[in-house]
Amino acid sequence: MVTLENIVNGMIKYIDTEIMPHLSGVKKIGLATYVGLAVPNANAMFEKYSKNTAIDILNVIDEQNNIDIDKIYRAVIPMFEDGHKELVKIPLITEFKIDKNDIEMMYKYITEG
């Protein structure tokens, strides 16, 4: 189990380490701005969506608002076992593909705290 803070910090580390070095110019500035504006809203978005029935049925958030990242990882990683890559689009900023290695890095950064 991890906290929302672990997830936010882990994803920031993933973006800083794995995505930002591959961007330049306006795309780099755009993504840095997007992340800088999105992070302060993480708690409000978590509160909003964690109470949603579609999220509640997944049983990945406990009573203390800890998130079962292991359960999420076990559900996601099989989709990438065959070398599958998934396109991630951040409108007006950039797009990139993620694969199993990216999922494993995200998991590592999140669980490291």
N, C-alpha and C. Protein backbone atom coordinates (compact mmCIF):
# COMPACT_ATOMS: atom_id res chain seq x y z
N MET A 1 0.84 -1.18 0.00
CA MET A 1 0.00 0.00 0.00
C MET A 1 0.89 1.24 0.00
N VAL A 2 0.46 2.23 -0.76
CA VAL A 2 1.18 3.49 -0.83
C VAL A 2 0.19 4.64 -0.64
N THR A 3 0.72 5.79 -0.38
CA THR A 3 -0.11 6.98 -0.24
C THR A 3 -0.21 7.70 -1.59
N LEU A 4 -1.14 8.62 -1.66
CA LEU A 4 -1.24 9.45 -2.86
C LEU A 4 0.06 10.23 -3.05
N GLU A 5 0.67 10.67 -1.96
CA GLU A 5 1.94 11.39 -2.04
C GLU A 5 3.02 10.52 -2.67
N ASN A 6 3.05 9.21 -2.32
CA ASN A 6 4.01 8.30 -2.95
C ASN A 6 3.79 8.24 -4.46
N ILE A 7 2.54 8.17 -4.86
CA ILE A 7 2.22 8.08 -6.29
C ILE A 7 2.62 9.37 -7.01
N VAL A 8 2.26 10.50 -6.44
CA VAL A 8 2.61 11.78 -7.06
C VAL A 8 4.12 11.92 -7.16
N ASN A 9 4.83 11.68 -6.07
CA ASN A 9 6.29 11.81 -6.08
C ASN A 9 6.95 10.82 -7.04
N GLY A 10 6.44 9.60 -7.09
CA GLY A 10 6.97 8.59 -8.00
C GLY A 10 6.76 8.97 -9.46
N MET A 11 5.58 9.50 -9.76
CA MET A 11 5.30 9.89 -11.14
C MET A 11 6.12 11.12 -11.55
N ILE A 12 6.32 12.05 -10.61
CA ILE A 12 7.18 13.20 -10.90
C ILE A 12 8.60 12.71 -11.21
N LYS A 13 9.09 11.77 -10.41
CA LYS A 13 10.43 11.24 -10.65
C LYS A 13 10.49 10.54 -12.00
N TYR A 14 9.47 9.76 -12.35
CA TYR A 14 9.42 9.09 -13.65
C TYR A 14 9.45 10.12 -14.79
N ILE A 15 8.63 11.14 -14.68
CA ILE A 15 8.58 12.17 -15.73
C ILE A 15 9.92 12.89 -15.84
N ASP A 16 10.48 13.28 -14.69
CA ASP A 16 11.77 13.99 -14.70
C ASP A 16 12.91 13.13 -15.25
N THR A 17 12.89 11.85 -14.91
CA THR A 17 13.99 10.95 -15.28
C THR A 17 13.83 10.34 -16.67
N GLU A 18 12.62 9.95 -17.02
CA GLU A 18 12.42 9.15 -18.22
C GLU A 18 11.81 9.91 -19.41
N ILE A 19 11.09 10.99 -19.15
CA ILE A 19 10.42 11.69 -20.25
C ILE A 19 11.10 13.02 -20.58
N MET A 20 11.33 13.84 -19.57
CA MET A 20 11.88 15.18 -19.80
C MET A 20 13.19 15.18 -20.58
N PRO A 21 14.11 14.23 -20.33
CA PRO A 21 15.36 14.27 -21.09
C PRO A 21 15.18 14.08 -22.61
N HIS A 22 14.03 13.55 -23.01
CA HIS A 22 13.77 13.31 -24.43
C HIS A 22 13.01 14.46 -25.09
N LEU A 23 12.67 15.47 -24.31
CA LEU A 23 11.93 16.61 -24.83
C LEU A 23 12.84 17.83 -24.88
N SER A 24 12.47 18.76 -25.70
CA SER A 24 13.21 20.03 -25.75
C SER A 24 12.24 21.14 -26.09
N GLY A 25 12.72 22.35 -25.92
CA GLY A 25 11.95 23.53 -26.32
C GLY A 25 10.58 23.62 -25.70
N VAL A 26 9.62 23.94 -26.56
CA VAL A 26 8.25 24.18 -26.11
C VAL A 26 7.63 22.93 -25.48
N LYS A 27 7.95 21.75 -26.00
CA LYS A 27 7.39 20.52 -25.43
C LYS A 27 7.88 20.33 -23.99
N LYS A 28 9.13 20.58 -23.74
CA LYS A 28 9.69 20.43 -22.39
C LYS A 28 9.06 21.46 -21.45
N ILE A 29 8.97 22.70 -21.91
CA ILE A 29 8.35 23.75 -21.10
C ILE A 29 6.88 23.43 -20.85
N GLY A 30 6.20 22.96 -21.88
CA GLY A 30 4.78 22.62 -21.75
C GLY A 30 4.54 21.52 -20.74
N LEU A 31 5.34 20.45 -20.80
CA LEU A 31 5.15 19.35 -19.85
C LEU A 31 5.50 19.79 -18.43
N ALA A 32 6.56 20.55 -18.26
CA ALA A 32 6.93 21.04 -16.93
C ALA A 32 5.82 21.92 -16.36
N THR A 33 5.23 22.75 -17.19
CA THR A 33 4.13 23.61 -16.76
C THR A 33 2.91 22.79 -16.40
N TYR A 34 2.59 21.82 -17.25
CA TYR A 34 1.44 20.94 -17.00
C TYR A 34 1.58 20.23 -15.66
N VAL A 35 2.74 19.63 -15.43
CA VAL A 35 2.97 18.91 -14.17
C VAL A 35 2.91 19.88 -13.00
N GLY A 36 3.54 21.04 -13.15
CA GLY A 36 3.53 22.03 -12.07
C GLY A 36 2.14 22.49 -11.70
N LEU A 37 1.26 22.58 -12.67
CA LEU A 37 -0.12 22.99 -12.40
C LEU A 37 -1.00 21.83 -11.94
N ALA A 38 -0.70 20.62 -12.38
CA ALA A 38 -1.53 19.46 -12.04
C ALA A 38 -1.27 18.95 -10.63
N VAL A 39 -0.03 18.95 -10.21
CA VAL A 39 0.34 18.37 -8.91
C VAL A 39 -0.45 18.98 -7.74
N PRO A 40 -0.60 20.29 -7.66
CA PRO A 40 -1.36 20.85 -6.54
C PRO A 40 -2.83 20.40 -6.51
N ASN A 41 -3.34 19.92 -7.63
CA ASN A 41 -4.73 19.47 -7.70
C ASN A 41 -4.88 17.97 -7.41
N ALA A 42 -3.79 17.27 -7.15
CA ALA A 42 -3.84 15.82 -6.98
C ALA A 42 -4.77 15.40 -5.84
N ASN A 43 -4.69 16.07 -4.71
CA ASN A 43 -5.54 15.69 -3.58
C ASN A 43 -7.02 15.87 -3.89
N ALA A 44 -7.38 16.99 -4.51
CA ALA A 44 -8.78 17.24 -4.85
C ALA A 44 -9.28 16.22 -5.87
N MET A 45 -8.46 15.90 -6.85
CA MET A 45 -8.87 14.91 -7.85
C MET A 45 -9.01 13.53 -7.23
N PHE A 46 -8.10 13.19 -6.31
CA PHE A 46 -8.19 11.91 -5.62
C PHE A 46 -9.48 11.83 -4.82
N GLU A 47 -9.78 12.88 -4.09
CA GLU A 47 -11.02 12.90 -3.30
C GLU A 47 -12.24 12.75 -4.19
N LYS A 48 -12.23 13.42 -5.30
CA LYS A 48 -13.36 13.37 -6.23
C LYS A 48 -13.55 11.98 -6.81
N TYR A 49 -12.48 11.39 -7.33
CA TYR A 49 -12.60 10.12 -8.04
C TYR A 49 -12.54 8.89 -7.15
N SER A 50 -11.93 8.99 -5.99
CA SER A 50 -11.84 7.81 -5.12
C SER A 50 -13.21 7.42 -4.58
N LYS A 51 -14.13 8.33 -4.58
CA LYS A 51 -15.50 8.05 -4.10
C LYS A 51 -16.42 7.56 -5.20
N ASN A 52 -15.92 7.51 -6.41
CA ASN A 52 -16.70 7.07 -7.55
C ASN A 52 -16.93 5.56 -7.47
N THR A 53 -18.12 5.12 -7.77
CA THR A 53 -18.46 3.70 -7.71
C THR A 53 -17.56 2.86 -8.60
N ALA A 54 -17.19 3.37 -9.77
CA ALA A 54 -16.33 2.63 -10.69
C ALA A 54 -14.95 2.38 -10.08
N ILE A 55 -14.46 3.29 -9.28
CA ILE A 55 -13.18 3.12 -8.59
C ILE A 55 -13.37 2.26 -7.35
N ASP A 56 -14.44 2.51 -6.62
CA ASP A 56 -14.72 1.77 -5.38
C ASP A 56 -14.80 0.26 -5.63
N ILE A 57 -15.39 -0.14 -6.73
CA ILE A 57 -15.56 -1.56 -7.03
C ILE A 57 -14.23 -2.28 -7.27
N LEU A 58 -13.19 -1.52 -7.59
CA LEU A 58 -11.87 -2.11 -7.83
C LEU A 58 -11.20 -2.54 -6.53
N ASN A 59 -11.64 -1.99 -5.41
CA ASN A 59 -11.11 -2.32 -4.09
C ASN A 59 -9.59 -2.12 -4.02
N VAL A 60 -9.14 -0.94 -4.47
CA VAL A 60 -7.71 -0.63 -4.44
C VAL A 60 -7.38 0.51 -3.47
N ILE A 61 -8.40 1.06 -2.81
CA ILE A 61 -8.19 2.14 -1.84
C ILE A 61 -8.79 1.71 -0.51
N ASP A 62 -7.97 1.76 0.56
CA ASP A 62 -8.49 1.34 1.86
C ASP A 62 -9.12 2.52 2.62
N GLU A 63 -9.53 2.27 3.85
CA GLU A 63 -10.23 3.27 4.66
C GLU A 63 -9.35 4.47 5.00
N GLN A 64 -8.04 4.29 5.00
CA GLN A 64 -7.11 5.38 5.29
C GLN A 64 -6.62 6.07 4.00
N ASN A 65 -7.27 5.76 2.89
CA ASN A 65 -6.93 6.32 1.58
C ASN A 65 -5.56 5.88 1.06
N ASN A 66 -5.09 4.73 1.53
CA ASN A 66 -3.88 4.14 0.96
C ASN A 66 -4.28 3.38 -0.31
N ILE A 67 -3.38 3.34 -1.25
CA ILE A 67 -3.67 2.74 -2.55
C ILE A 67 -2.87 1.45 -2.70
N ASP A 68 -3.55 0.40 -3.13
CA ASP A 68 -2.91 -0.91 -3.31
C ASP A 68 -2.21 -0.94 -4.66
N ILE A 69 -1.00 -0.38 -4.69
CA ILE A 69 -0.25 -0.28 -5.94
C ILE A 69 0.15 -1.65 -6.46
N ASP A 70 0.35 -2.62 -5.57
CA ASP A 70 0.69 -3.97 -6.01
C ASP A 70 -0.45 -4.59 -6.80
N LYS A 71 -1.66 -4.39 -6.33
CA LYS A 71 -2.84 -4.93 -7.03
C LYS A 71 -2.99 -4.27 -8.41
N ILE A 72 -2.78 -2.97 -8.46
CA ILE A 72 -2.86 -2.25 -9.73
C ILE A 72 -1.77 -2.73 -10.67
N TYR A 73 -0.55 -2.86 -10.17
CA TYR A 73 0.57 -3.33 -10.98
C TYR A 73 0.28 -4.73 -11.54
N ARG A 74 -0.20 -5.64 -10.69
CA ARG A 74 -0.50 -7.01 -11.15
C ARG A 74 -1.59 -7.02 -12.22
N ALA A 75 -2.49 -6.06 -12.18
CA ALA A 75 -3.56 -6.00 -13.19
C ALA A 75 -3.05 -5.40 -14.51
N VAL A 76 -2.12 -4.48 -14.43
CA VAL A 76 -1.65 -3.76 -15.63
C VAL A 76 -0.53 -4.49 -16.36
N ILE A 77 0.44 -5.03 -15.64
CA ILE A 77 1.66 -5.56 -16.26
C ILE A 77 1.41 -6.66 -17.30
N PRO A 78 0.42 -7.54 -17.13
CA PRO A 78 0.20 -8.57 -18.17
C PRO A 78 -0.13 -7.98 -19.55
N MET A 79 -0.70 -6.79 -19.57
CA MET A 79 -1.05 -6.17 -20.85
C MET A 79 0.18 -5.77 -21.65
N PHE A 80 1.35 -5.75 -21.00
CA PHE A 80 2.58 -5.34 -21.65
C PHE A 80 3.57 -6.49 -21.82
N GLU A 81 3.18 -7.69 -21.45
CA GLU A 81 4.09 -8.84 -21.50
C GLU A 81 4.56 -9.20 -22.90
N ASP A 82 3.74 -8.98 -23.90
CA ASP A 82 4.08 -9.40 -25.26
C ASP A 82 4.82 -8.32 -26.05
N GLY A 83 5.40 -7.34 -25.35
CA GLY A 83 6.10 -6.26 -26.02
C GLY A 83 5.19 -5.12 -26.45
N HIS A 84 3.94 -5.18 -26.02
CA HIS A 84 2.97 -4.15 -26.37
C HIS A 84 3.44 -2.77 -25.90
N LYS A 85 3.19 -1.77 -26.72
CA LYS A 85 3.45 -0.38 -26.36
C LYS A 85 2.15 0.38 -26.46
N GLU A 86 1.94 1.29 -25.55
CA GLU A 86 0.72 2.08 -25.52
C GLU A 86 1.05 3.55 -25.69
N LEU A 87 0.33 4.22 -26.58
CA LEU A 87 0.54 5.63 -26.84
C LEU A 87 -0.13 6.46 -25.74
N VAL A 88 0.63 7.38 -25.15
CA VAL A 88 0.12 8.31 -24.16
C VAL A 88 0.17 9.69 -24.78
N LYS A 89 -0.98 10.37 -24.80
CA LYS A 89 -1.05 11.70 -25.39
C LYS A 89 -1.36 12.73 -24.30
N ILE A 90 -0.57 13.79 -24.29
CA ILE A 90 -0.88 14.95 -23.46
C ILE A 90 -1.19 16.06 -24.45
N PRO A 91 -2.48 16.35 -24.64
CA PRO A 91 -2.90 17.27 -25.70
C PRO A 91 -2.12 18.59 -25.68
N LEU A 92 -1.74 19.01 -26.87
CA LEU A 92 -1.02 20.25 -27.13
C LEU A 92 0.42 20.26 -26.62
N ILE A 93 0.85 19.17 -25.96
CA ILE A 93 2.19 19.16 -25.38
C ILE A 93 3.07 18.11 -26.04
N THR A 94 2.70 16.84 -25.90
CA THR A 94 3.53 15.77 -26.45
C THR A 94 2.76 14.46 -26.46
N GLU A 95 3.36 13.47 -27.05
CA GLU A 95 2.87 12.10 -26.97
C GLU A 95 4.09 11.19 -26.97
N PHE A 96 3.95 10.03 -26.33
CA PHE A 96 5.04 9.08 -26.24
C PHE A 96 4.45 7.71 -26.00
N LYS A 97 5.24 6.69 -26.24
CA LYS A 97 4.79 5.32 -26.02
C LYS A 97 5.43 4.77 -24.75
N ILE A 98 4.62 4.00 -24.02
CA ILE A 98 5.14 3.31 -22.84
C ILE A 98 5.07 1.82 -23.07
N ASP A 99 5.98 1.10 -22.43
CA ASP A 99 6.01 -0.36 -22.54
C ASP A 99 6.21 -0.95 -21.14
N LYS A 100 6.46 -2.24 -21.10
CA LYS A 100 6.62 -2.95 -19.82
C LYS A 100 7.70 -2.31 -18.97
N ASN A 101 8.80 -1.93 -19.57
CA ASN A 101 9.89 -1.30 -18.85
C ASN A 101 9.43 -0.02 -18.15
N ASP A 102 8.61 0.77 -18.84
CA ASP A 102 8.09 2.00 -18.25
C ASP A 102 7.18 1.71 -17.06
N ILE A 103 6.32 0.70 -17.20
CA ILE A 103 5.43 0.33 -16.10
C ILE A 103 6.26 -0.10 -14.89
N GLU A 104 7.29 -0.88 -15.13
CA GLU A 104 8.16 -1.33 -14.04
C GLU A 104 8.89 -0.16 -13.38
N MET A 105 9.34 0.81 -14.19
CA MET A 105 10.00 1.99 -13.62
C MET A 105 9.03 2.82 -12.80
N MET A 106 7.82 3.02 -13.30
CA MET A 106 6.81 3.77 -12.54
C MET A 106 6.56 3.09 -11.20
N TYR A 107 6.38 1.78 -11.23
CA TYR A 107 6.14 1.02 -10.00
C TYR A 107 7.30 1.19 -9.03
N LYS A 108 8.51 1.09 -9.54
CA LYS A 108 9.71 1.24 -8.70
C LYS A 108 9.75 2.63 -8.07
N TYR A 109 9.57 3.68 -8.87
CA TYR A 109 9.62 5.04 -8.35
C TYR A 109 8.52 5.28 -7.31
N ILE A 110 7.35 4.74 -7.54
CA ILE A 110 6.22 4.92 -6.60
C ILE A 110 6.50 4.18 -5.30
N THR A 111 6.96 2.95 -5.38
CA THR A 111 7.15 2.14 -4.16
C THR A 111 8.39 2.53 -3.39
N GLU A 112 9.34 3.21 -4.03
CA GLU A 112 10.52 3.68 -3.32
C GLU A 112 10.19 4.85 -2.39
N GLY A 113 9.02 5.45 -2.61
CA GLY A 113 8.63 6.60 -1.78
C GLY A 113 9.02 7.81 -2.42
